[in-house]
């Protein structure tokens, strides 16, 4: 397995995020024809330590931050500052894996101090591109999904959100 670690300045943000995936998986993330998430979502609260959470069978983590599945959560996902954790509603697991990667990256940005929604969106897109979660082939599909919006999100309407994300998706990362 290849382990890549992002720490320090990731596109102007300090996001300690790591991803482990087989090299073959980097080029072929699930697209529109792949089923959303394997298996049913948990029905009771479940805490997963950092490194134990997986999206599309790919382990992802946000530094030492645990991921907690909370059935009564009032949104698809939230970042909790105290204690620091990423909270997910079971409906998260019904989303396409590309949306799951985006939402997880967005919440990771929040737990790392990014307060503005548009900046967290931008951080999620840049992180996804850097980590291989999104590719030139899958990014248009993700943007299409985001444009439709995901019920329960407390963000700008889909089309407005995608317009704000586009410059981030097409900007060249700093070297």
C-alpha atoms as a PDB file:
ATOM      1  CA  UNK A   1       0.000   0.000   0.000  1.00  0.00           C
ATOM      2  CA  UNK A   2       1.027   3.510  -0.630  1.00  0.00           C
ATOM      3  CA  UNK A   3       0.690   5.917   2.275  1.00  0.00           C
ATOM      4  CA  UNK A   4       0.619   9.597   1.515  1.00  0.00           C
ATOM      5  CA  UNK A   5       0.536  12.168   4.290  1.00  0.00           C
ATOM      6  CA  UNK A   6      -0.481  15.750   3.911  1.00  0.00           C
ATOM      7  CA  UNK A   7       0.611  17.987   6.735  1.00  0.00           C
ATOM      8  CA  UNK A   8       1.632  21.576   6.972  1.00  0.00           C
ATOM      9  CA  UNK A   9       0.606  23.833   4.127  1.00  0.00           C
ATOM     10  CA  UNK A  10      -1.785  21.986   1.827  1.00  0.00           C
ATOM     11  CA  UNK A  11      -2.864  24.531  -0.728  1.00  0.00           C
ATOM     12  CA  UNK A  12      -2.562  27.226   1.906  1.00  0.00           C
ATOM     13  CA  UNK A  13      -4.290  25.195   4.650  1.00  0.00           C
ATOM     14  CA  UNK A  14      -2.925  23.063   7.439  1.00  0.00           C
ATOM     15  CA  UNK A  15      -4.885  19.832   7.044  1.00  0.00           C
ATOM     16  CA  UNK A  16      -3.269  16.767   8.568  1.00  0.00           C
ATOM     17  CA  UNK A  17      -5.007  14.195   6.404  1.00  0.00           C
ATOM     18  CA  UNK A  18      -3.753  10.809   5.364  1.00  0.00           C
ATOM     19  CA  UNK A  19      -4.932   8.251   2.877  1.00  0.00           C
ATOM     20  CA  UNK A  20      -3.839   4.715   2.268  1.00  0.00           C
ATOM     21  CA  UNK A  21      -4.812   3.029  -0.957  1.00  0.00           C
ATOM     22  CA  UNK A  22      -3.404   0.547  -3.408  1.00  0.00           C
ATOM     23  CA  UNK A  23      -1.650   2.273  -6.295  1.00  0.00           C
ATOM     24  CA  UNK A  24      -4.145   0.756  -8.748  1.00  0.00           C
ATOM     25  CA  UNK A  25      -7.044   2.402  -6.915  1.00  0.00           C
ATOM     26  CA  UNK A  26      -5.635   5.918  -7.403  1.00  0.00           C
ATOM     27  CA  UNK A  27      -6.625   6.064 -11.055  1.00  0.00           C
ATOM     28  CA  UNK A  28      -9.999   4.395 -10.883  1.00  0.00           C
ATOM     29  CA  UNK A  29     -12.216   5.855  -8.204  1.00  0.00           C
ATOM     30  CA  UNK A  30     -15.849   4.851  -8.483  1.00  0.00           C
ATOM     31  CA  UNK A  31     -17.881   6.785 -10.996  1.00  0.00           C
ATOM     32  CA  UNK A  32     -21.581   7.183 -11.624  1.00  0.00           C
ATOM     33  CA  UNK A  33     -22.175   3.513 -12.444  1.00  0.00           C
ATOM     34  CA  UNK A  34     -20.761   2.229  -9.140  1.00  0.00           C
ATOM     35  CA  UNK A  35     -23.226   1.623  -6.277  1.00  0.00           C
ATOM     36  CA  UNK A  36     -23.066   4.203  -3.494  1.00  0.00           C
ATOM     37  CA  UNK A  37     -21.668   2.630  -0.342  1.00  0.00           C
ATOM     38  CA  UNK A  38     -21.314  -1.041   0.505  1.00  0.00           C
ATOM     39  CA  UNK A  39     -23.551  -2.405   3.225  1.00  0.00           C
ATOM     40  CA  UNK A  40     -26.198  -0.809   5.394  1.00  0.00           C
ATOM     41  CA  UNK A  41     -25.501   2.254   7.482  1.00  0.00           C
ATOM     42  CA  UNK A  42     -25.104   1.777  11.228  1.00  0.00           C
ATOM     43  CA  UNK A  43     -28.305   2.272  13.250  1.00  0.00           C
ATOM     44  CA  UNK A  44     -26.686   3.090  16.593  1.00  0.00           C
ATOM     45  CA  UNK A  45     -23.948   5.591  17.411  1.00  0.00           C
ATOM     46  CA  UNK A  46     -20.570   4.242  16.420  1.00  0.00           C
ATOM     47  CA  UNK A  47     -17.129   5.792  16.967  1.00  0.00           C
ATOM     48  CA  UNK A  48     -14.292   4.893  14.603  1.00  0.00           C
ATOM     49  CA  UNK A  49     -10.766   5.781  15.664  1.00  0.00           C
ATOM     50  CA  UNK A  50      -8.572   7.723  13.264  1.00  0.00           C
ATOM     51  CA  UNK A  51      -7.554   5.433  10.409  1.00  0.00           C
ATOM     52  CA  UNK A  52     -10.457   3.006  10.870  1.00  0.00           C
ATOM     53  CA  UNK A  53     -12.928   4.884   8.643  1.00  0.00           C
ATOM     54  CA  UNK A  54     -13.217   3.827   4.998  1.00  0.00           C
ATOM     55  CA  UNK A  55     -14.855   5.296   1.905  1.00  0.00           C
ATOM     56  CA  UNK A  56     -15.211   3.000  -1.100  1.00  0.00           C
ATOM     57  CA  UNK A  57     -13.002   0.532   0.759  1.00  0.00           C
ATOM     58  CA  UNK A  58     -10.234   3.152   1.008  1.00  0.00           C
ATOM     59  CA  UNK A  59      -9.084   4.071   4.532  1.00  0.00           C
ATOM     60  CA  UNK A  60      -9.230   7.824   5.099  1.00  0.00           C
ATOM     61  CA  UNK A  61      -8.531   9.897   8.152  1.00  0.00           C
ATOM     62  CA  UNK A  62      -8.204  13.460   9.275  1.00  0.00           C
ATOM     63  CA  UNK A  63      -5.145  13.420  11.496  1.00  0.00           C
ATOM     64  CA  UNK A  64      -6.011  12.020  14.951  1.00  0.00           C
ATOM     65  CA  UNK A  65      -9.699  12.962  14.623  1.00  0.00           C
ATOM     66  CA  UNK A  66     -12.207  10.123  15.131  1.00  0.00           C
ATOM     67  CA  UNK A  67     -15.281   9.695  12.930  1.00  0.00           C
ATOM     68  CA  UNK A  68     -18.586   9.187  14.733  1.00  0.00           C
ATOM     69  CA  UNK A  69     -21.796   7.936  13.112  1.00  0.00           C
ATOM     70  CA  UNK A  70     -24.720   9.669  14.842  1.00  0.00           C
ATOM     71  CA  UNK A  71     -28.214   8.514  13.774  1.00  0.00           C
ATOM     72  CA  UNK A  72     -29.928  11.587  15.281  1.00  0.00           C
ATOM     73  CA  UNK A  73     -27.584  14.115  13.658  1.00  0.00           C
ATOM     74  CA  UNK A  74     -29.563  16.981  12.108  1.00  0.00           C
ATOM     75  CA  UNK A  75     -27.403  17.170   8.979  1.00  0.00           C
ATOM     76  CA  UNK A  76     -25.556  14.816   6.632  1.00  0.00           C
ATOM     77  CA  UNK A  77     -22.255  15.614   8.375  1.00  0.00           C
ATOM     78  CA  UNK A  78     -20.843  18.040  10.909  1.00  0.00           C
ATOM     79  CA  UNK A  79     -17.484  18.959  12.349  1.00  0.00           C
ATOM     80  CA  UNK A  80     -17.434  19.010  16.129  1.00  0.00           C
ATOM     81  CA  UNK A  81     -14.797  21.182  17.797  1.00  0.00           C
ATOM     82  CA  UNK A  82     -15.195  19.802  21.355  1.00  0.00           C
ATOM     83  CA  UNK A  83     -14.407  17.005  21.354  1.00  0.00           C
ATOM     84  CA  UNK A  84     -12.794  17.278  17.938  1.00  0.00           C
ATOM     85  CA  UNK A  85     -14.495  14.737  15.703  1.00  0.00           C
ATOM     86  CA  UNK A  86     -16.238  14.332  12.372  1.00  0.00           C
ATOM     87  CA  UNK A  87     -19.907  13.440  12.803  1.00  0.00           C
ATOM     88  CA  UNK A  88     -21.804  11.575  10.084  1.00  0.00           C
ATOM     89  CA  UNK A  89     -25.496  10.784   9.750  1.00  0.00           C
ATOM     90  CA  UNK A  90     -26.240   7.250   8.467  1.00  0.00           C
ATOM     91  CA  UNK A  91     -27.570   8.874   5.252  1.00  0.00           C
ATOM     92  CA  UNK A  92     -23.930   9.746   4.481  1.00  0.00           C
ATOM     93  CA  UNK A  93     -23.421   6.096   3.521  1.00  0.00           C
ATOM     94  CA  UNK A  94     -26.201   6.314   0.933  1.00  0.00           C
ATOM     95  CA  UNK A  95     -24.313   8.990  -1.035  1.00  0.00           C
ATOM     96  CA  UNK A  96     -22.088   8.281  -4.004  1.00  0.00           C
ATOM     97  CA  UNK A  97     -18.488   7.638  -2.873  1.00  0.00           C
ATOM     98  CA  UNK A  98     -17.318  10.803  -4.643  1.00  0.00           C
ATOM     99  CA  UNK A  99     -19.775  12.822  -2.558  1.00  0.00           C
ATOM    100  CA  UNK A 100     -18.626  10.970   0.561  1.00  0.00           C
ATOM    101  CA  UNK A 101     -14.987  11.908  -0.138  1.00  0.00           C
ATOM    102  CA  UNK A 102     -16.012  15.527  -0.703  1.00  0.00           C
ATOM    103  CA  UNK A 103     -18.114  15.725   2.464  1.00  0.00           C
ATOM    104  CA  UNK A 104     -15.405  14.071   4.563  1.00  0.00           C
ATOM    105  CA  UNK A 105     -12.736  16.447   3.187  1.00  0.00           C
ATOM    106  CA  UNK A 106     -15.054  19.404   3.829  1.00  0.00           C
ATOM    107  CA  UNK A 107     -15.580  18.375   7.472  1.00  0.00           C
ATOM    108  CA  UNK A 108     -11.866  17.703   7.899  1.00  0.00           C
ATOM    109  CA  UNK A 109     -11.198  21.277   6.811  1.00  0.00           C
ATOM    110  CA  UNK A 110     -13.658  22.503   9.452  1.00  0.00           C
ATOM    111  CA  UNK A 111     -12.091  20.498  12.306  1.00  0.00           C
ATOM    112  CA  UNK A 112      -8.758  21.993  11.244  1.00  0.00           C
ATOM    113  CA  UNK A 113      -9.987  25.555  11.683  1.00  0.00           C
ATOM    114  CA  UNK A 114     -11.490  26.449   8.302  1.00  0.00           C
ATOM    115  CA  UNK A 115     -14.699  28.233   9.268  1.00  0.00           C
ATOM    116  CA  UNK A 116     -16.081  29.548   5.965  1.00  0.00           C
ATOM    117  CA  UNK A 117     -18.161  27.047   4.002  1.00  0.00           C
ATOM    118  CA  UNK A 118     -16.764  28.108   0.612  1.00  0.00           C
ATOM    119  CA  UNK A 119     -13.194  27.728   1.891  1.00  0.00           C
ATOM    120  CA  UNK A 120     -13.986  24.258   3.301  1.00  0.00           C
ATOM    121  CA  UNK A 121     -15.483  23.309  -0.087  1.00  0.00           C
ATOM    122  CA  UNK A 122     -12.340  24.528  -1.825  1.00  0.00           C
ATOM    123  CA  UNK A 123     -10.111  22.652   0.616  1.00  0.00           C
ATOM    124  CA  UNK A 124     -12.133  19.450   0.044  1.00  0.00           C
ATOM    125  CA  UNK A 125     -11.811  19.726  -3.742  1.00  0.00           C
ATOM    126  CA  UNK A 126      -8.084  20.471  -3.634  1.00  0.00           C
ATOM    127  CA  UNK A 127      -7.488  17.694  -1.132  1.00  0.00           C
ATOM    128  CA  UNK A 128      -9.503  15.239  -3.239  1.00  0.00           C
ATOM    129  CA  UNK A 129      -7.538  16.126  -6.355  1.00  0.00           C
ATOM    130  CA  UNK A 130      -4.207  15.875  -4.525  1.00  0.00           C
ATOM    131  CA  UNK A 131      -5.089  12.520  -2.967  1.00  0.00           C
ATOM    132  CA  UNK A 132      -6.522  11.031  -6.153  1.00  0.00           C
ATOM    133  CA  UNK A 133     -10.066  10.844  -4.778  1.00  0.00           C
ATOM    134  CA  UNK A 134     -11.156  12.989  -7.729  1.00  0.00           C
ATOM    135  CA  UNK A 135      -9.736  12.845 -11.236  1.00  0.00           C
ATOM    136  CA  UNK A 136     -10.346  14.731 -14.455  1.00  0.00           C
ATOM    137  CA  UNK A 137     -12.826  11.977 -15.318  1.00  0.00           C
ATOM    138  CA  UNK A 138     -14.722  11.945 -12.009  1.00  0.00           C
ATOM    139  CA  UNK A 139     -14.687  15.651 -11.124  1.00  0.00           C
ATOM    140  CA  UNK A 140     -17.470  16.607 -13.587  1.00  0.00           C
ATOM    141  CA  UNK A 141     -19.702  13.924 -12.087  1.00  0.00           C
ATOM    142  CA  UNK A 142     -18.984  15.158  -8.546  1.00  0.00           C
ATOM    143  CA  UNK A 143     -19.776  18.745  -9.535  1.00  0.00           C
ATOM    144  CA  UNK A 144     -23.011  17.543 -11.145  1.00  0.00           C
ATOM    145  CA  UNK A 145     -23.943  15.777  -7.900  1.00  0.00           C
ATOM    146  CA  UNK A 146     -23.104  18.863  -5.839  1.00  0.00           C
ATOM    147  CA  UNK A 147     -25.102  21.056  -8.186  1.00  0.00           C
ATOM    148  CA  UNK A 148     -28.184  18.938  -7.446  1.00  0.00           C
ATOM    149  CA  UNK A 149     -27.461  19.400  -3.764  1.00  0.00           C
ATOM    150  CA  UNK A 150     -27.721  16.836  -1.017  1.00  0.00           C
ATOM    151  CA  UNK A 151     -30.785  17.044   1.230  1.00  0.00           C
ATOM    152  CA  UNK A 152     -29.993  18.270   4.714  1.00  0.00           C
ATOM    153  CA  UNK A 153     -26.900  20.326   3.833  1.00  0.00           C
ATOM    154  CA  UNK A 154     -26.799  23.808   5.324  1.00  0.00           C
ATOM    155  CA  UNK A 155     -24.772  25.365   2.527  1.00  0.00           C
ATOM    156  CA  UNK A 156     -25.374  27.555  -0.507  1.00  0.00           C
ATOM    157  CA  UNK A 157     -27.743  26.156  -3.133  1.00  0.00           C
ATOM    158  CA  UNK A 158     -26.073  23.609  -5.426  1.00  0.00           C
ATOM    159  CA  UNK A 159     -25.512  25.788  -8.522  1.00  0.00           C
ATOM    160  CA  UNK A 160     -24.108  28.661  -6.432  1.00  0.00           C
ATOM    161  CA  UNK A 161     -21.901  26.253  -4.523  1.00  0.00           C
ATOM    162  CA  UNK A 162     -20.482  24.716  -7.712  1.00  0.00           C
ATOM    163  CA  UNK A 163     -19.761  28.181  -9.187  1.00  0.00           C
ATOM    164  CA  UNK A 164     -17.696  28.935  -6.073  1.00  0.00           C
ATOM    165  CA  UNK A 165     -15.902  25.558  -6.276  1.00  0.00           C
ATOM    166  CA  UNK A 166     -14.938  25.747  -9.974  1.00  0.00           C
ATOM    167  CA  UNK A 167     -11.929  28.041  -9.522  1.00  0.00           C
ATOM    168  CA  UNK A 168     -10.592  25.680  -6.829  1.00  0.00           C
ATOM    169  CA  UNK A 169     -11.082  22.649  -9.041  1.00  0.00           C
ATOM    170  CA  UNK A 170      -9.180  24.165 -11.933  1.00  0.00           C
ATOM    171  CA  UNK A 171      -6.473  26.057 -10.062  1.00  0.00           C
ATOM    172  CA  UNK A 172      -2.984  24.612 -10.211  1.00  0.00           C
ATOM    173  CA  UNK A 173      -1.775  23.633  -6.747  1.00  0.00           C
ATOM    174  CA  UNK A 174       1.175  25.613  -5.387  1.00  0.00           C
ATOM    175  CA  UNK A 175       4.559  23.886  -5.525  1.00  0.00           C
END
